[in-house]
Amino acid sequence: MISVYQENDGWLEQTSGYEKGTWIHAENPDEEEINHLHEVLGVPLTFLRAALDPREVARTDSRKNIHLIIVRVPYEFGAGDRVPYRTVPMAMIVAPDHFITLCHRRIDFVRDLNYSYDERELGTRRAARLVLAILGVVGDWFLRYLEEIDRRLEDVEERLMDSIENKEMMELLSYEKSLVYIKTGLQWNNQMLEHLQGKASFGWDAEDQELFEDVQIEYRQGYHMAETMLEVLEGTTDAFASLISNNLNVVMKFLAAITIVMTVPTLIASIYGMNVTIPGEDAPYMFVMLMLGSALLALLVAGWFYRHGWLSFRLKRYD
């Protein structure tokens, strides 16, 4: 799908046609749309297809007066995916008369641009400023995703305190993989920014340089945040693996103690169930006495286990 935007009184609004100075955004374009953009705008096919490769790294490239910028964008693939949060490549192409963005996933940053940079000039005719604004929005997305992962990790850790299954550990593993992808994407974007800052062809002015520094700070903050979270998660994963094993041992200890306690009345019932002459078999209240004696012995064994801590069991917390 191809959308066209143009600046109108400081706001980016959707329009039609490929007039000079418009911003053209393509989401998951097919081969026909790629060829259409190539023929109408004269952009090299290699530039247009760069963002469709999910393994494309963040980089910059130029051919004559057309400049390509690839940035890794965080994307949520859903809780059912083996890695719920990853990064996808997005291409920004600065042509003499147009600004083009392409991504093989649906991303919507027009609203963020309008509300985050309402005090800055974001005209579609000033592609260099628009590039920095989009990079700033992407950096803000990285921080939001890291905060969301942190909240989800806290929820998983709470459930792990009483877990004896592997479900929570698999969730931790999926978020650990997500942090690796996000950290790598931020690292690539940082390297790309260093190359981009040195390109004189964009004509950065003093205000652009200030915006550039803000973007770099966000990316560095996100990178160090992801690195710290990853280091902490690697340590807690090992600790919680031992905790799951310990929780299982507690359950097995409790069940073993219950089995031994129940063996006492079972043993008495087995002895008095034999088809031989047994003392007291003719007593009128022998059955009641046997039941009371079995219960008493079972309670004595259970009490002895409890005093030695073998019959304790930590109930699941719901607070």
C-alpha atoms as a PDB file:
ATOM      1  CA  MET A   1       0.000   0.000   0.000  1.00  0.00           C
ATOM      2  CA  ILE A   2       1.279   3.426  -0.980  1.00  0.00           C
ATOM      3  CA  SER A   3       0.320   6.594   0.898  1.00  0.00           C
ATOM      4  CA  VAL A   4       1.284  10.175   0.034  1.00  0.00           C
ATOM      5  CA  TYR A   5       1.665  12.967   2.631  1.00  0.00           C
ATOM      6  CA  GLN A   6       2.194  16.692   2.336  1.00  0.00           C
ATOM      7  CA  GLU A   7       2.771  19.437   4.884  1.00  0.00           C
ATOM      8  CA  ASN A   8      -0.183  21.735   5.522  1.00  0.00           C
ATOM      9  CA  ASP A   9       0.081  24.521   8.125  1.00  0.00           C
ATOM     10  CA  GLY A  10       2.668  22.603  10.140  1.00  0.00           C
ATOM     11  CA  TRP A  11       0.800  19.263   9.966  1.00  0.00           C
ATOM     12  CA  LEU A  12       1.447  16.207   7.816  1.00  0.00           C
ATOM     13  CA  GLU A  13      -1.742  15.323   5.968  1.00  0.00           C
ATOM     14  CA  GLN A  14      -2.516  12.584   3.487  1.00  0.00           C
ATOM     15  CA  THR A  15      -2.932  13.641  -0.115  1.00  0.00           C
ATOM     16  CA  SER A  16      -2.848  12.096  -3.581  1.00  0.00           C
ATOM     17  CA  GLY A  17      -0.506  12.300  -6.513  1.00  0.00           C
ATOM     18  CA  TYR A  18       3.279  12.503  -6.629  1.00  0.00           C
ATOM     19  CA  GLU A  19       3.659  16.265  -6.675  1.00  0.00           C
ATOM     20  CA  LYS A  20       7.032  17.802  -6.056  1.00  0.00           C
ATOM     21  CA  GLY A  21       7.897  17.955  -2.356  1.00  0.00           C
ATOM     22  CA  THR A  22       5.534  15.176  -1.226  1.00  0.00           C
ATOM     23  CA  TRP A  23       6.375  12.310   1.111  1.00  0.00           C
ATOM     24  CA  ILE A  24       5.570   8.852  -0.275  1.00  0.00           C
ATOM     25  CA  HIS A  25       5.241   5.975   2.203  1.00  0.00           C
ATOM     26  CA  ALA A  26       4.934   2.341   1.030  1.00  0.00           C
ATOM     27  CA  GLU A  27       3.953  -0.495   3.396  1.00  0.00           C
ATOM     28  CA  ASN A  28       4.732  -4.039   2.300  1.00  0.00           C
ATOM     29  CA  PRO A  29       4.787  -3.062  -1.390  1.00  0.00           C
ATOM     30  CA  ASP A  30       4.456  -5.803  -4.000  1.00  0.00           C
ATOM     31  CA  GLU A  31       6.615  -6.084  -7.105  1.00  0.00           C
ATOM     32  CA  GLU A  32       4.179  -4.047  -9.170  1.00  0.00           C
ATOM     33  CA  GLU A  33       4.272  -1.160  -6.693  1.00  0.00           C
ATOM     34  CA  ILE A  34       8.069  -1.321  -6.513  1.00  0.00           C
ATOM     35  CA  ASN A  35       8.353  -1.073 -10.298  1.00  0.00           C
ATOM     36  CA  HIS A  36       5.788   1.732 -10.309  1.00  0.00           C
ATOM     37  CA  LEU A  37       7.824   3.818  -7.849  1.00  0.00           C
ATOM     38  CA  HIS A  38      10.971   3.093  -9.837  1.00  0.00           C
ATOM     39  CA  GLU A  39       9.446   4.231 -13.124  1.00  0.00           C
ATOM     40  CA  VAL A  40       7.628   7.303 -11.775  1.00  0.00           C
ATOM     41  CA  LEU A  41      10.244   8.592  -9.306  1.00  0.00           C
ATOM     42  CA  GLY A  42      13.437   7.266 -10.895  1.00  0.00           C
ATOM     43  CA  VAL A  43      14.671   5.669  -7.654  1.00  0.00           C
ATOM     44  CA  PRO A  44      17.068   2.699  -8.095  1.00  0.00           C
ATOM     45  CA  LEU A  45      15.409  -0.690  -7.615  1.00  0.00           C
ATOM     46  CA  THR A  46      18.130  -1.741  -5.175  1.00  0.00           C
ATOM     47  CA  PHE A  47      17.172   1.161  -2.901  1.00  0.00           C
ATOM     48  CA  LEU A  48      13.484   0.329  -3.097  1.00  0.00           C
ATOM     49  CA  ARG A  49      14.026  -3.358  -2.353  1.00  0.00           C
ATOM     50  CA  ALA A  50      16.522  -2.801   0.472  1.00  0.00           C
ATOM     51  CA  ALA A  51      13.854  -2.466   3.173  1.00  0.00           C
ATOM     52  CA  LEU A  52      12.096  -5.653   2.049  1.00  0.00           C
ATOM     53  CA  ASP A  53      14.994  -7.805   3.245  1.00  0.00           C
ATOM     54  CA  PRO A  54      14.314  -8.606   6.937  1.00  0.00           C
ATOM     55  CA  ARG A  55      18.061  -9.140   7.511  1.00  0.00           C
ATOM     56  CA  GLU A  56      19.100  -5.730   6.167  1.00  0.00           C
ATOM     57  CA  VAL A  57      21.294  -3.817   8.624  1.00  0.00           C
ATOM     58  CA  ALA A  58      21.116  -0.090   9.368  1.00  0.00           C
ATOM     59  CA  ARG A  59      23.308   1.718   6.854  1.00  0.00           C
ATOM     60  CA  THR A  60      23.539   4.631   4.428  1.00  0.00           C
ATOM     61  CA  ASP A  61      24.174   4.697   0.697  1.00  0.00           C
ATOM     62  CA  SER A  62      24.146   7.245  -2.105  1.00  0.00           C
ATOM     63  CA  ARG A  63      23.879   7.194  -5.876  1.00  0.00           C
ATOM     64  CA  LYS A  64      24.352  10.510  -7.620  1.00  0.00           C
ATOM     65  CA  ASN A  65      21.778  12.814  -5.980  1.00  0.00           C
ATOM     66  CA  ILE A  66      19.648  10.081  -4.343  1.00  0.00           C
ATOM     67  CA  HIS A  67      20.447   9.030  -0.760  1.00  0.00           C
ATOM     68  CA  LEU A  68      19.361   5.869   1.058  1.00  0.00           C
ATOM     69  CA  ILE A  69      19.088   5.470   4.840  1.00  0.00           C
ATOM     70  CA  ILE A  70      18.194   2.106   6.404  1.00  0.00           C
ATOM     71  CA  VAL A  71      17.103   2.189  10.047  1.00  0.00           C
ATOM     72  CA  ARG A  72      16.025  -0.723  12.252  1.00  0.00           C
ATOM     73  CA  VAL A  73      12.561  -0.106  13.731  1.00  0.00           C
ATOM     74  CA  PRO A  74      11.178  -1.989  16.776  1.00  0.00           C
ATOM     75  CA  TYR A  75       8.084  -4.043  16.012  1.00  0.00           C
ATOM     76  CA  GLU A  76       5.720  -6.158  18.114  1.00  0.00           C
ATOM     77  CA  PHE A  77       5.019  -9.542  16.537  1.00  0.00           C
ATOM     78  CA  GLY A  78       2.527 -10.617  19.213  1.00  0.00           C
ATOM     79  CA  ALA A  79       2.626 -12.696  22.385  1.00  0.00           C
ATOM     80  CA  GLY A  80       2.203 -15.920  20.411  1.00  0.00           C
ATOM     81  CA  ASP A  81       5.441 -15.422  18.494  1.00  0.00           C
ATOM     82  CA  ARG A  82       8.626 -17.108  19.728  1.00  0.00           C
ATOM     83  CA  VAL A  83      10.236 -13.645  19.874  1.00  0.00           C
ATOM     84  CA  PRO A  84       7.472 -11.105  20.570  1.00  0.00           C
ATOM     85  CA  TYR A  85       9.631  -8.015  19.990  1.00  0.00           C
ATOM     86  CA  ARG A  86      12.113  -7.676  17.135  1.00  0.00           C
ATOM     87  CA  THR A  87      13.309  -5.005  14.754  1.00  0.00           C
ATOM     88  CA  VAL A  88      12.478  -4.605  11.078  1.00  0.00           C
ATOM     89  CA  PRO A  89      14.311  -2.516   8.475  1.00  0.00           C
ATOM     90  CA  MET A  90      12.794   0.672   7.127  1.00  0.00           C
ATOM     91  CA  ALA A  91      14.229   2.568   4.185  1.00  0.00           C
ATOM     92  CA  MET A  92      14.243   6.353   3.880  1.00  0.00           C
ATOM     93  CA  ILE A  93      15.135   7.609   0.420  1.00  0.00           C
ATOM     94  CA  VAL A  94      15.891  11.269  -0.177  1.00  0.00           C
ATOM     95  CA  ALA A  95      15.371  12.135  -3.846  1.00  0.00           C
ATOM     96  CA  PRO A  96      15.654  15.604  -5.410  1.00  0.00           C
ATOM     97  CA  ASP A  97      11.874  16.123  -5.587  1.00  0.00           C
ATOM     98  CA  HIS A  98      10.447  13.503  -3.190  1.00  0.00           C
ATOM     99  CA  PHE A  99      10.961  11.804   0.130  1.00  0.00           C
ATOM    100  CA  ILE A 100      10.203   8.060   0.157  1.00  0.00           C
ATOM    101  CA  THR A 101       9.902   5.582   3.034  1.00  0.00           C
ATOM    102  CA  LEU A 102       9.399   1.836   2.662  1.00  0.00           C
ATOM    103  CA  CYS A 103       8.871  -1.020   5.131  1.00  0.00           C
ATOM    104  CA  HIS A 104       7.608  -4.584   4.747  1.00  0.00           C
ATOM    105  CA  ARG A 105       5.558  -4.181   7.960  1.00  0.00           C
ATOM    106  CA  ARG A 106       2.773  -1.783   8.809  1.00  0.00           C
ATOM    107  CA  ILE A 107       4.152   1.121  10.824  1.00  0.00           C
ATOM    108  CA  ASP A 108       2.386   4.394  11.553  1.00  0.00           C
ATOM    109  CA  PHE A 109       4.557   7.252  12.749  1.00  0.00           C
ATOM    110  CA  VAL A 110       2.692  10.165  11.133  1.00  0.00           C
ATOM    111  CA  ARG A 111       0.689  10.825  14.323  1.00  0.00           C
ATOM    112  CA  ASP A 112       3.857  10.743  16.442  1.00  0.00           C
ATOM    113  CA  LEU A 113       5.535  13.155  14.065  1.00  0.00           C
ATOM    114  CA  ASN A 114       2.618  15.582  14.220  1.00  0.00           C
ATOM    115  CA  TYR A 115       2.385  15.569  18.007  1.00  0.00           C
ATOM    116  CA  SER A 116       6.035  15.145  18.972  1.00  0.00           C
ATOM    117  CA  TYR A 117       7.442  17.788  16.651  1.00  0.00           C
ATOM    118  CA  ASP A 118       4.614  20.309  16.517  1.00  0.00           C
ATOM    119  CA  GLU A 119       7.021  23.143  17.342  1.00  0.00           C
ATOM    120  CA  ARG A 120       9.531  22.219  14.660  1.00  0.00           C
ATOM    121  CA  GLU A 121       9.330  22.704  10.933  1.00  0.00           C
ATOM    122  CA  LEU A 122       8.519  19.296   9.450  1.00  0.00           C
ATOM    123  CA  GLY A 123       7.753  20.291   5.897  1.00  0.00           C
ATOM    124  CA  THR A 124       7.927  17.448   3.404  1.00  0.00           C
ATOM    125  CA  ARG A 125      10.061  19.661   1.211  1.00  0.00           C
ATOM    126  CA  ARG A 126      12.780  19.608   3.886  1.00  0.00           C
ATOM    127  CA  ALA A 127      13.655  15.892   3.672  1.00  0.00           C
ATOM    128  CA  ALA A 128      16.803  16.208   5.823  1.00  0.00           C
ATOM    129  CA  ARG A 129      14.767  17.524   8.787  1.00  0.00           C
ATOM    130  CA  LEU A 130      12.098  14.858   8.232  1.00  0.00           C
ATOM    131  CA  VAL A 131      14.774  12.136   8.350  1.00  0.00           C
ATOM    132  CA  LEU A 132      15.922  13.318  11.780  1.00  0.00           C
ATOM    133  CA  ALA A 133      12.344  13.587  13.045  1.00  0.00           C
ATOM    134  CA  ILE A 134      11.572  10.009  11.973  1.00  0.00           C
ATOM    135  CA  LEU A 135      14.791   8.793  13.588  1.00  0.00           C
ATOM    136  CA  GLY A 136      13.707  10.564  16.788  1.00  0.00           C
ATOM    137  CA  VAL A 137      10.303   8.846  16.710  1.00  0.00           C
ATOM    138  CA  VAL A 138      12.002   5.480  16.185  1.00  0.00           C
ATOM    139  CA  GLY A 139      14.264   6.147  19.175  1.00  0.00           C
ATOM    140  CA  ASP A 140      11.209   6.945  21.311  1.00  0.00           C
ATOM    141  CA  TRP A 141       9.615   3.666  20.177  1.00  0.00           C
ATOM    142  CA  PHE A 142      12.666   1.744  21.328  1.00  0.00           C
ATOM    143  CA  LEU A 143      12.357   3.235  24.825  1.00  0.00           C
ATOM    144  CA  ARG A 144       8.625   2.454  24.950  1.00  0.00           C
ATOM    145  CA  TYR A 145       9.187  -1.151  23.942  1.00  0.00           C
ATOM    146  CA  LEU A 146      11.922  -1.563  26.532  1.00  0.00           C
ATOM    147  CA  GLU A 147       9.594  -0.238  29.234  1.00  0.00           C
ATOM    148  CA  GLU A 148       6.877  -2.671  28.106  1.00  0.00           C
ATOM    149  CA  ILE A 149       9.314  -5.597  28.197  1.00  0.00           C
ATOM    150  CA  ASP A 150      10.386  -4.543  31.694  1.00  0.00           C
ATOM    151  CA  ARG A 151       6.757  -4.583  32.891  1.00  0.00           C
ATOM    152  CA  ARG A 152       6.161  -7.999  31.389  1.00  0.00           C
ATOM    153  CA  LEU A 153       9.326  -9.353  32.957  1.00  0.00           C
ATOM    154  CA  GLU A 154       8.118  -8.237  36.381  1.00  0.00           C
ATOM    155  CA  ASP A 155       4.854 -10.125  35.825  1.00  0.00           C
ATOM    156  CA  VAL A 156       6.689 -13.294  34.775  1.00  0.00           C
ATOM    157  CA  GLU A 157       9.018 -13.079  37.781  1.00  0.00           C
ATOM    158  CA  GLU A 158       6.030 -12.841  40.135  1.00  0.00           C
ATOM    159  CA  ARG A 159       4.547 -15.996  38.641  1.00  0.00           C
ATOM    160  CA  LEU A 160       7.887 -17.779  38.714  1.00  0.00           C
ATOM    161  CA  MET A 161       8.094 -17.507  42.499  1.00  0.00           C
ATOM    162  CA  ASP A 162       5.543 -20.325  42.847  1.00  0.00           C
ATOM    163  CA  SER A 163       5.978 -22.118  39.526  1.00  0.00           C
ATOM    164  CA  ILE A 164       7.116 -25.717  38.998  1.00  0.00           C
ATOM    165  CA  GLU A 165       6.567 -25.695  35.222  1.00  0.00           C
ATOM    166  CA  ASN A 166       8.574 -24.458  32.249  1.00  0.00           C
ATOM    167  CA  LYS A 167       5.985 -22.019  30.830  1.00  0.00           C
ATOM    168  CA  GLU A 168       7.354 -19.003  32.669  1.00  0.00           C
ATOM    169  CA  MET A 169      10.942 -19.932  31.863  1.00  0.00           C
ATOM    170  CA  MET A 170      10.051 -20.072  28.166  1.00  0.00           C
ATOM    171  CA  GLU A 171       8.521 -16.598  28.480  1.00  0.00           C
ATOM    172  CA  LEU A 172      11.742 -15.313  30.027  1.00  0.00           C
ATOM    173  CA  LEU A 173      13.679 -16.872  27.158  1.00  0.00           C
ATOM    174  CA  SER A 174      11.451 -15.159  24.571  1.00  0.00           C
ATOM    175  CA  TYR A 175      11.950 -11.765  26.231  1.00  0.00           C
ATOM    176  CA  GLU A 176      15.681 -12.384  26.481  1.00  0.00           C
ATOM    177  CA  LYS A 177      15.756 -12.986  22.725  1.00  0.00           C
ATOM    178  CA  SER A 178      13.709  -9.817  22.219  1.00  0.00           C
ATOM    179  CA  LEU A 179      16.245  -7.801  24.202  1.00  0.00           C
ATOM    180  CA  VAL A 180      19.083  -9.215  22.084  1.00  0.00           C
ATOM    181  CA  TYR A 181      17.312  -8.131  18.869  1.00  0.00           C
ATOM    182  CA  ILE A 182      16.500  -4.688  20.252  1.00  0.00           C
ATOM    183  CA  LYS A 183      20.019  -4.165  21.572  1.00  0.00           C
ATOM    184  CA  THR A 184      21.504  -5.196  18.223  1.00  0.00           C
ATOM    185  CA  GLY A 185      19.113  -2.906  16.345  1.00  0.00           C
ATOM    186  CA  LEU A 186      20.078   0.035  18.545  1.00  0.00           C
ATOM    187  CA  GLN A 187      23.760  -0.708  18.033  1.00  0.00           C
ATOM    188  CA  TRP A 188      23.318  -0.738  14.244  1.00  0.00           C
ATOM    189  CA  ASN A 189      21.327   2.499  14.363  1.00  0.00           C
ATOM    190  CA  ASN A 190      24.042   4.185  16.429  1.00  0.00           C
ATOM    191  CA  GLN A 191      26.677   3.220  13.885  1.00  0.00           C
ATOM    192  CA  MET A 192      24.451   4.418  11.056  1.00  0.00           C
ATOM    193  CA  LEU A 193      23.952   7.795  12.786  1.00  0.00           C
ATOM    194  CA  GLU A 194      27.704   8.302  12.999  1.00  0.00           C
ATOM    195  CA  HIS A 195      28.030   7.788   9.239  1.00  0.00           C
ATOM    196  CA  LEU A 196      24.966   9.927   8.538  1.00  0.00           C
ATOM    197  CA  GLN A 197      26.196  12.859  10.599  1.00  0.00           C
ATOM    198  CA  GLY A 198      29.302  13.131   8.471  1.00  0.00           C
ATOM    199  CA  LYS A 199      27.416  13.423   5.165  1.00  0.00           C
ATOM    200  CA  ALA A 200      27.539  17.023   3.983  1.00  0.00           C
ATOM    201  CA  SER A 201      25.055  16.350   1.173  1.00  0.00           C
ATOM    202  CA  PHE A 202      22.111  16.708   3.578  1.00  0.00           C
ATOM    203  CA  GLY A 203      23.072  20.252   4.505  1.00  0.00           C
ATOM    204  CA  TRP A 204      22.555  20.018   8.250  1.00  0.00           C
ATOM    205  CA  ASP A 205      22.124  23.424   9.902  1.00  0.00           C
ATOM    206  CA  ALA A 206      22.532  24.318  13.594  1.00  0.00           C
ATOM    207  CA  GLU A 207      18.953  23.294  14.456  1.00  0.00           C
ATOM    208  CA  ASP A 208      19.443  19.993  12.640  1.00  0.00           C
ATOM    209  CA  GLN A 209      22.611  19.339  14.609  1.00  0.00           C
ATOM    210  CA  GLU A 210      20.715  19.938  17.855  1.00  0.00           C
ATOM    211  CA  LEU A 211      18.013  17.496  16.779  1.00  0.00           C
ATOM    212  CA  PHE A 212      20.738  15.072  15.721  1.00  0.00           C
ATOM    213  CA  GLU A 213      22.241  15.143  19.208  1.00  0.00           C
ATOM    214  CA  ASP A 214      18.816  14.499  20.767  1.00  0.00           C
ATOM    215  CA  VAL A 215      18.356  11.445  18.550  1.00  0.00           C
ATOM    216  CA  GLN A 216      21.805  10.104  19.416  1.00  0.00           C
ATOM    217  CA  ILE A 217      21.104  10.518  23.145  1.00  0.00           C
ATOM    218  CA  GLU A 218      17.868   8.542  22.823  1.00  0.00           C
ATOM    219  CA  TYR A 219      19.602   5.713  20.942  1.00  0.00           C
ATOM    220  CA  ARG A 220      22.459   5.559  23.432  1.00  0.00           C
ATOM    221  CA  GLN A 221      20.031   5.582  26.328  1.00  0.00           C
ATOM    222  CA  GLY A 222      18.047   2.762  24.744  1.00  0.00           C
ATOM    223  CA  TYR A 223      21.189   0.745  24.031  1.00  0.00           C
ATOM    224  CA  HIS A 224      22.500   0.962  27.602  1.00  0.00           C
ATOM    225  CA  MET A 225      19.015   0.275  28.977  1.00  0.00           C
ATOM    226  CA  ALA A 226      18.705  -2.868  26.830  1.00  0.00           C
ATOM    227  CA  GLU A 227      22.226  -3.959  27.763  1.00  0.00           C
ATOM    228  CA  THR A 228      21.510  -3.566  31.494  1.00  0.00           C
ATOM    229  CA  MET A 229      18.182  -5.387  31.256  1.00  0.00           C
ATOM    230  CA  LEU A 230      19.819  -8.212  29.327  1.00  0.00           C
ATOM    231  CA  GLU A 231      22.605  -8.650  31.878  1.00  0.00           C
ATOM    232  CA  VAL A 232      20.117  -8.680  34.762  1.00  0.00           C
ATOM    233  CA  LEU A 233      17.833 -11.117  32.929  1.00  0.00           C
ATOM    234  CA  GLU A 234      20.678 -13.536  32.219  1.00  0.00           C
ATOM    235  CA  GLY A 235      21.464 -13.705  35.927  1.00  0.00           C
ATOM    236  CA  THR A 236      17.864 -13.987  37.084  1.00  0.00           C
ATOM    237  CA  THR A 237      17.129 -16.724  34.540  1.00  0.00           C
ATOM    238  CA  ASP A 238      19.711 -18.984  36.184  1.00  0.00           C
ATOM    239  CA  ALA A 239      18.378 -18.115  39.629  1.00  0.00           C
ATOM    240  CA  PHE A 240      14.783 -18.848  38.689  1.00  0.00           C
ATOM    241  CA  ALA A 241      15.786 -22.139  37.049  1.00  0.00           C
ATOM    242  CA  SER A 242      17.135 -23.213  40.434  1.00  0.00           C
ATOM    243  CA  LEU A 243      13.974 -21.843  42.083  1.00  0.00           C
ATOM    244  CA  ILE A 244      11.733 -24.000  39.888  1.00  0.00           C
ATOM    245  CA  SER A 245      13.800 -27.059  40.789  1.00  0.00           C
ATOM    246  CA  ASN A 246      13.547 -26.145  44.484  1.00  0.00           C
ATOM    247  CA  ASN A 247       9.766 -25.657  44.234  1.00  0.00           C
ATOM    248  CA  LEU A 248       9.475 -29.114  42.685  1.00  0.00           C
ATOM    249  CA  ASN A 249      11.558 -30.590  45.519  1.00  0.00           C
ATOM    250  CA  VAL A 250       9.230 -28.962  48.071  1.00  0.00           C
ATOM    251  CA  VAL A 251       6.203 -30.527  46.397  1.00  0.00           C
ATOM    252  CA  MET A 252       7.862 -33.963  46.194  1.00  0.00           C
ATOM    253  CA  LYS A 253       8.908 -33.734  49.866  1.00  0.00           C
ATOM    254  CA  PHE A 254       5.344 -32.888  50.891  1.00  0.00           C
ATOM    255  CA  LEU A 255       3.866 -35.727  48.840  1.00  0.00           C
ATOM    256  CA  ALA A 256       6.423 -38.205  50.207  1.00  0.00           C
ATOM    257  CA  ALA A 257       5.572 -37.194  53.794  1.00  0.00           C
ATOM    258  CA  ILE A 258       1.831 -37.569  53.105  1.00  0.00           C
ATOM    259  CA  THR A 259       2.472 -41.022  51.601  1.00  0.00           C
ATOM    260  CA  ILE A 260       4.352 -42.147  54.729  1.00  0.00           C
ATOM    261  CA  VAL A 261       1.611 -40.793  57.023  1.00  0.00           C
ATOM    262  CA  MET A 262      -1.058 -42.648  55.065  1.00  0.00           C
ATOM    263  CA  THR A 263       1.030 -45.842  55.176  1.00  0.00           C
ATOM    264  CA  VAL A 264       0.403 -46.216  58.947  1.00  0.00           C
ATOM    265  CA  PRO A 265      -3.399 -46.841  58.751  1.00  0.00           C
ATOM    266  CA  THR A 266      -2.860 -48.826  55.555  1.00  0.00           C
ATOM    267  CA  LEU A 267      -0.438 -51.138  57.388  1.00  0.00           C
ATOM    268  CA  ILE A 268      -2.881 -51.678  60.284  1.00  0.00           C
ATOM    269  CA  ALA A 269      -5.760 -52.346  57.889  1.00  0.00           C
ATOM    270  CA  SER A 270      -3.597 -54.830  55.970  1.00  0.00           C
ATOM    271  CA  ILE A 271      -2.680 -56.759  59.138  1.00  0.00           C
ATOM    272  CA  TYR A 272      -6.278 -57.027  60.344  1.00  0.00           C
ATOM    273  CA  GLY A 273      -7.414 -57.966  56.875  1.00  0.00           C
ATOM    274  CA  MET A 274      -5.540 -61.298  56.916  1.00  0.00           C
ATOM    275  CA  ASN A 275      -7.594 -64.508  57.056  1.00  0.00           C
ATOM    276  CA  VAL A 276      -5.976 -65.771  60.269  1.00  0.00           C
ATOM    277  CA  THR A 277      -6.812 -65.606  63.944  1.00  0.00           C
ATOM    278  CA  ILE A 278      -6.084 -62.048  65.185  1.00  0.00           C
ATOM    279  CA  PRO A 279      -6.221 -60.767  68.796  1.00  0.00           C
ATOM    280  CA  GLY A 280      -9.400 -58.845  69.559  1.00  0.00           C
ATOM    281  CA  GLU A 281     -11.294 -59.954  66.482  1.00  0.00           C
ATOM    282  CA  ASP A 282     -14.325 -60.867  68.611  1.00  0.00           C
ATOM    283  CA  ALA A 283     -14.410 -57.556  70.547  1.00  0.00           C
ATOM    284  CA  PRO A 284     -17.644 -55.633  69.791  1.00  0.00           C
ATOM    285  CA  TYR A 285     -15.919 -52.223  69.396  1.00  0.00           C
ATOM    286  CA  MET A 286     -12.713 -53.466  67.745  1.00  0.00           C
ATOM    287  CA  PHE A 287     -13.421 -51.687  64.435  1.00  0.00           C
ATOM    288  CA  VAL A 288     -13.889 -48.318  66.150  1.00  0.00           C
ATOM    289  CA  MET A 289     -10.753 -48.876  68.230  1.00  0.00           C
ATOM    290  CA  LEU A 290      -8.743 -49.727  65.117  1.00  0.00           C
ATOM    291  CA  MET A 291      -9.971 -46.573  63.332  1.00  0.00           C
ATOM    292  CA  LEU A 292      -9.153 -44.367  66.302  1.00  0.00           C
ATOM    293  CA  GLY A 293      -5.770 -46.042  66.795  1.00  0.00           C
ATOM    294  CA  SER A 294      -4.891 -45.683  63.096  1.00  0.00           C
ATOM    295  CA  ALA A 295      -5.872 -42.000  63.134  1.00  0.00           C
ATOM    296  CA  LEU A 296      -3.901 -41.388  66.316  1.00  0.00           C
ATOM    297  CA  LEU A 297      -0.756 -43.064  64.975  1.00  0.00           C
ATOM    298  CA  ALA A 298      -1.110 -41.148  61.674  1.00  0.00           C
ATOM    299  CA  LEU A 299      -1.397 -37.856  63.575  1.00  0.00           C
ATOM    300  CA  LEU A 300       1.634 -38.713  65.706  1.00  0.00           C
ATOM    301  CA  VAL A 301       3.724 -39.455  62.577  1.00  0.00           C
ATOM    302  CA  ALA A 302       2.423 -36.296  60.875  1.00  0.00           C
ATOM    303  CA  GLY A 303       3.268 -34.225  63.964  1.00  0.00           C
ATOM    304  CA  TRP A 304       6.779 -35.630  64.101  1.00  0.00           C
ATOM    305  CA  PHE A 305       7.283 -34.799  60.393  1.00  0.00           C
ATOM    306  CA  TYR A 306       5.884 -31.306  60.902  1.00  0.00           C
ATOM    307  CA  ARG A 307       8.239 -30.539  63.802  1.00  0.00           C
ATOM    308  CA  HIS A 308      11.193 -31.543  61.623  1.00  0.00           C
ATOM    309  CA  GLY A 309       9.951 -29.433  58.685  1.00  0.00           C
ATOM    310  CA  TRP A 310       9.219 -32.384  56.390  1.00  0.00           C
ATOM    311  CA  LEU A 311       5.490 -31.757  56.152  1.00  0.00           C
ATOM    312  CA  SER A 312       5.602 -28.018  55.445  1.00  0.00           C
ATOM    313  CA  PHE A 313       4.327 -26.700  52.140  1.00  0.00           C
ATOM    314  CA  ARG A 314       4.346 -23.060  51.049  1.00  0.00           C
ATOM    315  CA  LEU A 315       0.966 -22.212  49.602  1.00  0.00           C
ATOM    316  CA  LYS A 316       0.750 -20.128  46.432  1.00  0.00           C
ATOM    317  CA  ARG A 317       0.587 -16.391  47.068  1.00  0.00           C
ATOM    318  CA  TYR A 318      -2.167 -14.363  45.425  1.00  0.00           C
ATOM    319  CA  ASP A 319      -1.152 -10.893  46.574  1.00  0.00           C
END
